Amino acid sequence: MASVLFSVCVAFSLFCVQAANELARGWGDEIDWMPLDKAWEKSQEEKKVLMLVIHKTWCGACKALKPKFAESAEIRKLSSEFVMVNVEDNEEPSEEKYRPDGGYIPRILFFGPDGKLLDEYNKNGNAKYKYFYGNAESVVDSMKNVLKSAGTGSESVKKEL
């Protein structure tokens, strides 16, 4: 009986890891990614900023950013302070709030728990395309800026900022 229970627990754990990895799509298996529809609820309930990465599987710039993002220990650490979402290809939401200055990719957007785009805190993207990021360092800078300016995040992280 114990071995059966152990096997069930292992199978369930592997299923959960596999589901999380499917949502990661190569952007960081250790990050707790969520589907967008569930992420809004979690953002409101936990009073966390929602960080949305919009990318395409065929996009060269997306392919270039993905491994840098996934390998960043700092992004991984800070991700626990956000509700993390990445959408690709046909999952990209069509509402205008997800295209504040156009539909280029990759785009990284931050939304408050109230659903409002935190436009004023996102200052570290590309000069021409505000929500475009080409390296992990600029993503980390924006994540820190959002946490500091929006007043969200755990006390331990706030002390480090």
Protein backbone atom coordinates (compact mmCIF):
# COMPACT_ATOMS: atom_id res chain seq x y z
CA MET A 1 0.00 0.00 0.00
CA ALA A 2 2.78 2.42 0.89
CA SER A 3 4.55 1.79 -2.42
CA VAL A 4 1.33 2.46 -4.33
CA LEU A 5 0.80 5.70 -2.43
CA PHE A 6 4.42 6.68 -3.07
CA SER A 7 3.99 5.97 -6.80
CA VAL A 8 0.83 8.08 -6.93
CA CYS A 9 2.60 10.97 -5.17
CA VAL A 10 5.57 10.78 -7.54
CA ALA A 11 3.30 10.65 -10.58
CA PHE A 12 1.31 13.65 -9.34
CA SER A 13 4.52 15.60 -8.66
CA LEU A 14 5.81 14.85 -12.14
CA PHE A 15 2.47 15.92 -13.62
CA CYS A 16 2.62 19.24 -11.75
CA VAL A 17 6.21 19.89 -12.83
CA GLN A 18 5.36 18.98 -16.42
CA ALA A 19 2.35 21.35 -16.39
CA ALA A 20 4.49 24.18 -15.01
CA ASN A 21 7.17 23.47 -17.62
CA GLU A 22 4.56 23.64 -20.38
CA LEU A 23 3.67 27.14 -19.25
CA ALA A 24 7.37 28.06 -19.04
CA ARG A 25 7.93 27.39 -22.74
CA GLY A 26 11.67 27.76 -22.19
CA TRP A 27 11.42 31.06 -20.30
CA GLY A 28 12.38 29.52 -16.96
CA ASP A 29 11.18 26.20 -15.62
CA GLU A 30 11.74 27.31 -12.02
CA ILE A 31 9.36 30.27 -12.40
CA ASP A 32 5.76 29.79 -11.29
CA TRP A 33 4.02 30.63 -14.59
CA MET A 34 0.24 30.93 -14.74
CA PRO A 35 -2.33 31.17 -17.52
CA LEU A 36 -3.51 34.76 -18.02
CA ASP A 37 -7.14 34.14 -17.02
CA LYS A 38 -6.14 32.69 -13.63
CA ALA A 39 -3.33 35.18 -13.13
CA TRP A 40 -5.69 38.15 -12.86
CA GLU A 41 -7.48 36.53 -9.91
CA LYS A 42 -4.21 35.69 -8.19
CA SER A 43 -2.90 39.22 -8.74
CA GLN A 44 -5.99 40.68 -7.05
CA GLU A 45 -6.08 38.15 -4.22
CA GLU A 46 -2.38 38.40 -3.38
CA LYS A 47 -2.00 42.11 -4.21
CA LYS A 48 0.87 41.31 -6.58
CA VAL A 49 1.84 42.94 -9.84
CA LEU A 50 1.14 40.80 -12.91
CA MET A 51 4.13 40.55 -15.26
CA LEU A 52 3.15 39.54 -18.79
CA VAL A 53 5.68 38.35 -21.37
CA ILE A 54 4.24 38.33 -24.90
CA HIS A 55 6.29 36.44 -27.48
CA LYS A 56 6.08 34.37 -30.65
CA THR A 57 7.76 31.07 -31.44
CA TRP A 58 8.94 32.35 -34.83
CA CYS A 59 10.34 35.70 -33.59
CA GLY A 60 14.13 36.11 -33.72
CA ALA A 61 14.20 38.73 -30.95
CA CYS A 62 12.03 36.49 -28.75
CA LYS A 63 14.34 33.53 -29.38
CA ALA A 64 17.33 35.69 -28.44
CA LEU A 65 15.79 36.97 -25.18
CA LYS A 66 14.35 33.63 -24.01
CA PRO A 67 17.61 31.92 -22.89
CA LYS A 68 18.91 35.12 -21.27
CA PHE A 69 15.65 35.46 -19.35
CA ALA A 70 15.58 31.77 -18.37
CA GLU A 71 19.20 31.74 -17.17
CA SER A 72 18.89 34.87 -15.01
CA ALA A 73 19.05 34.00 -11.31
CA GLU A 74 17.86 37.52 -10.50
CA ILE A 75 14.74 37.21 -12.67
CA ARG A 76 14.04 33.83 -11.08
CA LYS A 77 14.37 35.34 -7.60
CA LEU A 78 12.27 38.42 -8.31
CA SER A 79 9.59 36.39 -10.12
CA SER A 80 8.21 35.21 -6.77
CA GLU A 81 7.15 38.81 -6.11
CA PHE A 82 5.00 38.87 -9.27
CA VAL A 83 2.24 36.86 -10.84
CA MET A 84 4.10 35.59 -13.89
CA VAL A 85 2.47 34.97 -17.28
CA ASN A 86 3.89 34.30 -20.70
CA VAL A 87 1.78 33.95 -23.78
CA GLU A 88 2.90 32.94 -27.23
CA ASP A 89 1.51 32.85 -30.72
CA ASN A 90 -2.32 32.63 -30.71
CA GLU A 91 -2.55 33.09 -26.94
CA GLU A 92 -1.67 36.78 -27.23
CA PRO A 93 -4.65 38.75 -25.93
CA SER A 94 -6.25 41.03 -28.51
CA GLU A 95 -7.46 43.83 -26.23
CA GLU A 96 -5.82 47.22 -26.74
CA LYS A 97 -4.49 47.37 -23.16
CA TYR A 98 -1.98 44.68 -24.16
CA ARG A 99 -0.68 46.86 -27.04
CA PRO A 100 -0.08 50.25 -25.41
CA ASP A 101 2.36 51.41 -28.11
CA GLY A 102 2.00 48.80 -30.81
CA GLY A 103 2.10 45.08 -31.34
CA TYR A 104 5.86 44.44 -31.56
CA ILE A 105 7.38 41.46 -29.80
CA PRO A 106 8.67 40.50 -27.37
CA ARG A 107 6.76 42.81 -25.04
CA ILE A 108 6.87 42.76 -21.26
CA LEU A 109 4.03 44.55 -19.51
CA PHE A 110 3.36 45.11 -15.82
CA PHE A 111 -0.17 45.45 -14.45
CA GLY A 112 -1.24 46.38 -10.94
CA PRO A 113 -3.64 44.18 -8.97
CA ASP A 114 -6.38 46.57 -10.11
CA GLY A 115 -5.67 45.63 -13.75
CA LYS A 116 -4.15 49.01 -14.61
CA LEU A 117 -1.06 49.05 -16.83
CA LEU A 118 1.87 50.29 -14.74
CA ASP A 119 3.12 52.37 -17.62
CA GLU A 120 5.00 54.95 -15.56
CA TYR A 121 7.18 52.33 -13.86
CA ASN A 122 8.27 50.56 -17.03
CA LYS A 123 11.22 52.73 -18.04
CA ASN A 124 13.92 50.23 -18.91
CA GLY A 125 12.78 48.85 -22.22
CA ASN A 126 14.09 49.96 -25.59
CA ALA A 127 14.16 53.73 -26.23
CA LYS A 128 11.91 53.45 -29.30
CA TYR A 129 9.77 50.55 -28.10
CA LYS A 130 9.14 50.99 -24.39
CA TYR A 131 8.04 47.42 -23.65
CA PHE A 132 10.72 45.66 -25.72
CA TYR A 133 13.62 44.07 -23.87
CA GLY A 134 16.75 42.60 -25.39
CA ASN A 135 18.59 41.46 -22.28
CA ALA A 136 17.95 40.10 -18.79
CA GLU A 137 19.56 43.06 -17.02
CA SER A 138 16.98 45.53 -18.32
CA VAL A 139 14.17 43.13 -17.34
CA VAL A 140 15.61 42.92 -13.81
CA ASP A 141 15.88 46.72 -13.63
CA SER A 142 12.22 47.11 -14.59
CA MET A 143 11.12 44.40 -12.15
CA LYS A 144 12.96 46.18 -9.33
CA ASN A 145 11.63 49.57 -10.41
CA VAL A 146 8.07 48.26 -10.45
CA LEU A 147 8.41 46.69 -6.99
CA LYS A 148 9.98 49.82 -5.55
CA SER A 149 7.64 52.32 -7.18
CA ALA A 150 4.40 50.38 -6.92
CA GLY A 151 5.03 49.53 -3.27
CA THR A 152 4.43 45.82 -3.74
CA GLY A 153 6.64 42.89 -2.90
CA SER A 154 7.75 41.18 0.29
CA GLU A 155 9.52 43.10 3.04
CA SER A 156 12.76 41.18 2.51
CA VAL A 157 12.86 42.14 -1.17
CA LYS A 158 11.90 45.76 -0.43
CA LYS A 159 14.93 46.01 1.89
CA GLU A 160 17.21 44.82 -0.92
CA LEU A 161 15.89 47.37 -3.40
